[in-house]
Amino acid sequence: MSAPAATPTSQAKAHTLQLDMLLDMLRIRRLEEKAAELYGLQKIRGFLHLYIGQEAVAVGVLHALRTQDNVLATYREHGHALVRGVGMNAIMAEMYGKQSGCSRGRGGSMHLFDRATRFYGGQAIVGAGLPVAVGLALADQMRQRAAVTACFFGEGAMAEGAFHEAMNLAALWHLPVLFCCENNLYAMGTALARSESQTDLCAKAASYGVPSRMVDGMDVLAVHQAASQAVAHIERNAGPMFLDLQTYRFRAHSMFDPELYRDKTEVEHWKQRDPVQHFGAQLQAQGLLTEPERLQLDARALAEVSAAVAFAEAAPWEPTQDLLLDVYSPAATPEATP
């Protein structure tokens, strides 16, 4: 039986989604480029991990989720937070360390958090989000709350014990977890083949009885389709699912990384598959986007970034008298008083 023909309404929705995804990839790219510039000016301090090159993963997956779903990410999470709905002003202010940031300036680049959008970090420790994802999914299951917990992590986290424990419990308890491995081939500075004896990541997931799928992480439409099917699978109470999203970061691991572990020709080869440029060109070739419209979307992203920088510059620092708020100190408790 052939598939039903697309209606004008469904075609219009698909076109709107495609433009939204292109805009979100442009928003991430322009935000990250500005963050790198601001880091060089010492406006942003501490560690900074850029997402340039991996935009299709966050955009494709997050557009497949619903508002009731939970999202966890790594320290390379600015793009995830932005697409999830955390305001760019709050993200930029957080990177500045200002009180108006989404974590009140206390988390910085690696610890973005926003309860309203169910964005639960920003995890600075490799693999730390995996057991948290299992806990959130277990809570939803016990409360009979229909939600999926999507957890993003790098392939380096799959060598951590937390990954194996999380996969085992998610499969054992039949939990609604979508495991999203952002496989950019280098765990910090170590190639996958030099750190893990089994480089077929789907085989690792399969060893726990978790259905898995390898996806071209440079193609936002392929990512969105795979994520949508995974969410549907989990919604059927079919248990967790694992996606090996094969992608590549164009910049170094962090702003401190001298990047001596990979050849420049390899980086340039991957840049030929730039997900932002590729998707824009694809829409133009299909007659779904004109060059003036693409430039207009890019101008919107740039304007949003400029406004966010202005907001962060003007935002207040946390008063010194508030620095001990929410900080646990045994010496401050009555029980500790002699």
Protein backbone atom coordinates (compact mmCIF):
# COMPACT_ATOMS: atom_id res chain seq x y z
CA MET A 1 0.00 0.00 0.00
CA SER A 2 1.44 3.37 -0.97
CA ALA A 3 1.78 6.17 1.58
CA PRO A 4 -1.01 8.77 1.59
CA ALA A 5 -0.26 11.88 -0.43
CA ALA A 6 0.81 14.89 1.56
CA THR A 7 -1.90 17.50 1.99
CA PRO A 8 -1.25 21.21 1.48
CA THR A 9 -1.58 21.67 5.24
CA SER A 10 0.99 18.98 6.03
CA GLN A 11 3.34 20.38 3.38
CA ALA A 12 3.04 23.85 4.90
CA LYS A 13 3.78 22.47 8.37
CA ALA A 14 6.80 20.59 7.06
CA HIS A 15 8.08 23.73 5.34
CA THR A 16 7.62 25.79 8.50
CA LEU A 17 9.48 23.16 10.52
CA GLN A 18 12.37 23.16 8.06
CA LEU A 19 12.70 26.94 8.22
CA ASP A 20 12.50 26.84 12.01
CA MET A 21 15.27 24.25 12.14
CA LEU A 22 17.48 26.27 9.80
CA LEU A 23 16.92 29.38 11.91
CA ASP A 24 17.78 27.48 15.10
CA MET A 25 21.01 26.18 13.56
CA LEU A 26 21.91 29.73 12.54
CA ARG A 27 21.09 30.98 16.05
CA ILE A 28 23.42 28.38 17.57
CA ARG A 29 26.21 29.08 15.08
CA ARG A 30 26.09 32.85 15.57
CA LEU A 31 25.85 32.53 19.36
CA GLU A 32 28.88 30.25 19.48
CA GLU A 33 30.94 32.45 17.17
CA LYS A 34 30.19 35.47 19.35
CA ALA A 35 31.00 33.49 22.50
CA ALA A 36 34.44 32.64 21.08
CA GLU A 37 35.01 36.33 20.33
CA LEU A 38 33.90 37.39 23.82
CA TYR A 39 36.14 34.75 25.38
CA GLY A 40 39.10 36.30 23.61
CA LEU A 41 38.08 39.66 25.08
CA GLN A 42 37.87 38.02 28.55
CA LYS A 43 34.17 38.87 28.85
CA ILE A 44 33.53 35.15 29.27
CA ARG A 45 35.88 33.36 31.65
CA GLY A 46 36.53 29.82 32.82
CA PHE A 47 35.97 26.94 30.40
CA LEU A 48 34.12 27.36 27.09
CA HIS A 49 33.21 24.43 24.84
CA LEU A 50 31.81 25.39 21.43
CA TYR A 51 29.15 23.44 19.52
CA ILE A 52 30.11 24.64 16.03
CA GLY A 53 29.66 21.78 13.57
CA GLN A 54 27.26 19.74 15.69
CA GLU A 55 24.18 21.99 15.33
CA ALA A 56 22.11 19.44 13.41
CA VAL A 57 22.10 17.05 16.36
CA ALA A 58 20.57 19.36 18.96
CA VAL A 59 18.16 20.93 16.49
CA GLY A 60 17.00 17.66 14.95
CA VAL A 61 16.42 15.91 18.27
CA LEU A 62 14.90 18.79 20.22
CA HIS A 63 12.37 19.58 17.50
CA ALA A 64 11.14 15.99 17.91
CA LEU A 65 10.46 16.44 21.64
CA ARG A 66 7.43 17.90 23.42
CA THR A 67 7.20 20.52 26.16
CA GLN A 68 6.59 17.84 28.82
CA ASP A 69 9.82 16.00 28.00
CA ASN A 70 13.03 16.34 30.02
CA VAL A 71 16.39 17.29 28.51
CA LEU A 72 19.91 16.82 29.87
CA ALA A 73 23.13 17.76 28.12
CA THR A 74 26.89 17.94 28.60
CA TYR A 75 29.15 20.95 29.14
CA ARG A 76 28.83 21.67 25.37
CA GLU A 77 25.20 22.64 25.90
CA HIS A 78 24.58 26.22 24.77
CA GLY A 79 22.83 25.05 21.61
CA HIS A 80 20.64 22.54 23.43
CA ALA A 81 19.53 25.16 25.95
CA LEU A 82 18.80 27.70 23.23
CA VAL A 83 16.68 25.37 21.09
CA ARG A 84 14.91 24.03 24.16
CA GLY A 85 13.61 27.53 24.83
CA VAL A 86 16.06 29.05 27.28
CA GLY A 87 16.33 32.70 26.29
CA MET A 88 19.54 33.82 24.61
CA ASN A 89 19.70 36.77 27.00
CA ALA A 90 19.72 34.41 29.99
CA ILE A 91 22.32 32.16 28.34
CA MET A 92 24.66 35.03 27.49
CA ALA A 93 24.29 36.60 30.93
CA GLU A 94 25.11 33.24 32.50
CA MET A 95 28.27 32.94 30.43
CA TYR A 96 29.20 36.43 31.60
CA GLY A 97 28.62 35.28 35.19
CA LYS A 98 25.87 37.84 35.74
CA GLN A 99 22.98 37.51 38.18
CA SER A 100 20.44 37.68 35.32
CA GLY A 101 21.77 34.43 33.90
CA CYS A 102 19.68 31.26 33.85
CA SER A 103 21.72 29.91 36.80
CA ARG A 104 22.07 33.34 38.44
CA GLY A 105 25.61 33.61 37.15
CA ARG A 106 26.85 30.78 39.33
CA GLY A 107 26.99 28.06 36.70
CA GLY A 108 28.74 29.74 33.82
CA SER A 109 29.14 28.15 30.42
CA MET A 110 29.02 24.53 31.61
CA HIS A 111 26.05 24.66 33.99
CA LEU A 112 23.08 26.14 32.16
CA PHE A 113 19.79 25.17 33.82
CA ASP A 114 16.17 26.15 33.34
CA ARG A 115 13.38 24.44 35.23
CA ALA A 116 10.61 26.12 33.22
CA THR A 117 11.72 24.41 30.00
CA ARG A 118 12.66 21.18 31.81
CA PHE A 119 16.30 21.69 30.83
CA TYR A 120 18.23 19.99 33.62
CA GLY A 121 21.80 20.94 32.72
CA GLY A 122 24.62 21.44 31.77
CA GLN A 123 26.67 18.56 33.30
CA ALA A 124 30.38 19.34 33.67
CA ILE A 125 31.43 15.78 34.60
CA VAL A 126 31.63 13.30 31.72
CA GLY A 127 28.67 10.91 31.91
CA ALA A 128 27.10 12.67 34.91
CA GLY A 129 23.81 13.30 33.14
CA LEU A 130 23.16 9.61 32.43
CA PRO A 131 22.13 8.49 35.95
CA VAL A 132 20.19 11.73 36.40
CA ALA A 133 18.26 10.93 33.21
CA VAL A 134 17.42 7.48 34.56
CA GLY A 135 16.20 9.08 37.81
CA LEU A 136 13.98 11.57 36.00
CA ALA A 137 12.52 8.84 33.79
CA LEU A 138 11.90 6.60 36.80
CA ALA A 139 10.10 9.44 38.57
CA ASP A 140 7.90 10.01 35.52
CA GLN A 141 7.17 6.30 35.28
CA MET A 142 6.20 6.05 38.95
CA ARG A 143 3.96 9.11 38.65
CA GLN A 144 2.44 7.75 35.43
CA ARG A 145 3.46 10.97 33.72
CA ALA A 146 3.72 10.67 29.92
CA ALA A 147 7.16 12.09 29.13
CA VAL A 148 10.44 11.16 27.50
CA THR A 149 13.81 12.01 29.02
CA ALA A 150 16.40 12.83 26.34
CA CYS A 151 19.99 12.64 27.52
CA PHE A 152 22.85 13.96 25.35
CA PHE A 153 26.41 12.75 25.94
CA GLY A 154 29.60 12.22 23.97
CA GLU A 155 31.03 8.88 22.88
CA GLY A 156 33.74 9.30 25.53
CA ALA A 157 31.07 8.91 28.21
CA MET A 158 30.42 5.37 26.97
CA ALA A 159 33.67 4.27 28.59
CA GLU A 160 32.38 5.46 31.96
CA GLY A 161 30.71 3.17 34.46
CA ALA A 162 27.80 5.60 34.69
CA PHE A 163 26.87 4.81 31.08
CA HIS A 164 26.70 1.06 31.69
CA GLU A 165 24.77 1.45 34.94
CA ALA A 166 22.30 3.84 33.31
CA MET A 167 21.75 1.63 30.27
CA ASN A 168 21.29 -1.45 32.44
CA LEU A 169 18.71 0.17 34.74
CA ALA A 170 16.85 1.86 31.90
CA ALA A 171 16.49 -1.47 30.12
CA LEU A 172 15.76 -3.43 33.29
CA TRP A 173 13.05 -1.03 34.43
CA HIS A 174 11.73 -0.30 30.93
CA LEU A 175 12.24 3.46 31.36
CA PRO A 176 11.31 6.17 28.83
CA VAL A 177 14.86 7.37 28.11
CA LEU A 178 16.20 8.51 24.75
CA PHE A 179 19.99 8.08 24.87
CA CYS A 180 21.54 10.54 22.38
CA CYS A 181 25.24 9.90 21.82
CA GLU A 182 26.86 12.86 20.07
CA ASN A 183 29.66 10.87 18.51
CA ASN A 184 32.19 13.46 17.34
CA LEU A 185 34.98 10.85 17.25
CA TYR A 186 37.21 12.52 19.85
CA ALA A 187 36.64 12.25 23.59
CA MET A 188 38.37 15.50 24.47
CA GLY A 189 41.61 14.71 22.62
CA THR A 190 41.52 10.93 22.21
CA ALA A 191 40.23 9.24 19.07
CA LEU A 192 37.50 6.65 19.57
CA ALA A 193 39.64 3.78 18.26
CA ARG A 194 42.39 4.64 20.76
CA SER A 195 40.11 4.63 23.80
CA GLU A 196 37.48 1.92 23.27
CA SER A 197 37.99 -1.63 22.06
CA GLN A 198 34.45 -1.79 20.68
CA THR A 199 33.92 1.17 18.34
CA ASP A 200 30.46 0.01 17.22
CA LEU A 201 28.50 2.06 19.74
CA CYS A 202 25.18 0.52 18.76
CA ALA A 203 26.60 -2.89 19.69
CA LYS A 204 27.20 -1.60 23.22
CA ALA A 205 23.58 -0.49 23.50
CA ALA A 206 22.39 -3.79 22.02
CA SER A 207 24.28 -5.69 24.72
CA TYR A 208 21.73 -4.28 27.18
CA GLY A 209 18.81 -5.14 24.94
CA VAL A 210 18.25 -1.50 24.02
CA PRO A 211 17.20 -0.84 20.41
CA SER A 212 19.71 1.38 18.65
CA ARG A 213 20.23 3.26 15.43
CA MET A 214 23.20 4.90 13.71
CA VAL A 215 22.34 8.34 12.28
CA ASP A 216 24.10 10.89 10.09
CA GLY A 217 24.47 13.66 12.66
CA MET A 218 25.40 16.22 10.00
CA ASP A 219 21.95 15.94 8.37
CA VAL A 220 19.28 17.69 10.44
CA LEU A 221 16.41 15.99 8.61
CA ALA A 222 17.90 12.53 9.20
CA VAL A 223 18.39 13.36 12.87
CA HIS A 224 14.84 14.69 13.23
CA GLN A 225 13.34 11.63 11.56
CA ALA A 226 15.33 9.22 13.72
CA ALA A 227 14.52 11.13 16.90
CA SER A 228 10.81 11.33 16.03
CA GLN A 229 10.69 7.58 15.47
CA ALA A 230 12.58 6.99 18.71
CA VAL A 231 10.14 9.16 20.67
CA ALA A 232 7.22 7.27 19.11
CA HIS A 233 8.90 3.98 20.08
CA ILE A 234 9.30 5.11 23.69
CA GLU A 235 5.75 6.49 23.81
CA ARG A 236 4.44 3.02 22.99
CA ASN A 237 5.87 1.95 26.35
CA ALA A 238 8.54 0.07 24.45
CA GLY A 239 11.36 1.14 26.76
CA PRO A 240 14.54 3.12 26.10
CA MET A 241 16.28 3.72 22.78
CA PHE A 242 19.84 4.65 21.79
CA LEU A 243 20.94 6.88 18.90
CA ASP A 244 24.54 6.99 17.64
CA LEU A 245 24.54 10.50 16.12
CA GLN A 246 27.71 10.70 14.05
CA THR A 247 28.88 14.30 13.98
CA TYR A 248 32.03 16.42 14.20
CA ARG A 249 33.07 19.55 16.06
CA PHE A 250 34.85 22.07 13.88
CA ARG A 251 36.56 23.82 16.77
CA ALA A 252 38.89 22.51 19.46
CA HIS A 253 37.53 20.64 22.48
CA SER A 254 37.64 23.84 24.51
CA MET A 255 39.18 27.27 24.22
CA PHE A 256 42.23 25.92 26.12
CA ASP A 257 42.78 23.02 23.72
CA PRO A 258 45.87 23.32 21.44
CA GLU A 259 44.27 20.64 19.21
CA LEU A 260 47.38 18.61 18.42
CA TYR A 261 45.58 15.27 18.13
CA ARG A 262 43.85 15.55 14.75
CA ASP A 263 45.02 16.51 11.28
CA LYS A 264 43.89 19.82 9.82
CA THR A 265 42.98 18.13 6.56
CA GLU A 266 40.52 15.94 8.46
CA VAL A 267 38.86 19.00 9.97
CA GLU A 268 38.63 20.67 6.56
CA HIS A 269 37.14 17.49 5.09
CA TRP A 270 34.35 17.52 7.67
CA LYS A 271 33.75 21.23 7.14
CA GLN A 272 32.71 20.39 3.60
CA ARG A 273 29.65 18.83 5.24
CA ASP A 274 28.80 21.88 7.35
CA PRO A 275 25.24 21.11 8.52
CA VAL A 276 24.13 24.75 8.47
CA GLN A 277 25.38 25.51 4.97
CA HIS A 278 24.31 22.11 3.65
CA PHE A 279 20.73 22.41 4.89
CA GLY A 280 20.34 25.98 3.62
CA ALA A 281 21.65 24.97 0.21
CA GLN A 282 19.34 21.94 0.18
CA LEU A 283 16.26 24.09 0.84
CA GLN A 284 17.31 26.54 -1.85
CA ALA A 285 17.85 23.74 -4.37
CA GLN A 286 14.33 22.47 -3.64
CA GLY A 287 12.83 25.92 -4.16
CA LEU A 288 11.81 26.14 -0.50
CA LEU A 289 14.11 29.05 0.35
CA THR A 290 15.48 32.01 -1.58
CA GLU A 291 18.84 33.63 -0.96
CA PRO A 292 17.22 36.85 0.39
CA GLU A 293 15.15 34.71 2.79
CA ARG A 294 18.27 32.89 3.98
CA LEU A 295 20.04 36.19 4.56
CA GLN A 296 17.01 37.44 6.47
CA LEU A 297 17.09 34.40 8.77
CA ASP A 298 20.79 34.95 9.38
CA ALA A 299 20.15 38.63 10.11
CA ARG A 300 17.55 37.61 12.70
CA ALA A 301 20.07 35.34 14.40
CA LEU A 302 22.76 38.04 14.41
CA ALA A 303 20.34 40.62 15.80
CA GLU A 304 19.33 38.26 18.61
CA VAL A 305 22.98 37.70 19.49
CA SER A 306 23.69 41.45 19.53
CA ALA A 307 20.73 42.05 21.82
CA ALA A 308 21.89 39.24 24.14
CA VAL A 309 25.38 40.76 24.39
CA ALA A 310 23.90 44.15 25.24
CA PHE A 311 21.69 42.51 27.87
CA ALA A 312 24.64 40.67 29.44
CA GLU A 313 26.81 43.79 29.44
CA ALA A 314 24.12 45.75 31.29
CA ALA A 315 23.11 42.92 33.65
CA PRO A 316 24.09 43.25 37.33
CA TRP A 317 26.62 41.16 39.20
CA GLU A 318 25.42 39.21 42.21
CA PRO A 319 25.82 41.34 45.38
CA THR A 320 28.67 40.13 47.56
CA GLN A 321 26.30 39.79 50.53
CA ASP A 322 24.37 37.12 48.59
CA LEU A 323 27.35 34.93 47.72
CA LEU A 324 26.66 32.46 50.55
CA LEU A 325 22.99 32.01 49.66
CA ASP A 326 22.18 28.36 48.86
CA VAL A 327 25.65 27.30 49.99
CA TYR A 328 25.67 24.51 52.57
CA SER A 329 28.05 25.17 55.44
CA PRO A 330 28.08 22.92 58.54
CA ALA A 331 29.52 25.75 60.61
CA ALA A 332 26.41 27.80 59.91
CA THR A 333 23.95 25.21 61.27
CA PRO A 334 22.70 25.24 64.90
CA GLU A 335 23.82 21.62 65.31
CA ALA A 336 27.43 22.62 64.64
CA THR A 337 27.42 25.36 67.27
CA PRO A 338 29.50 24.38 70.39
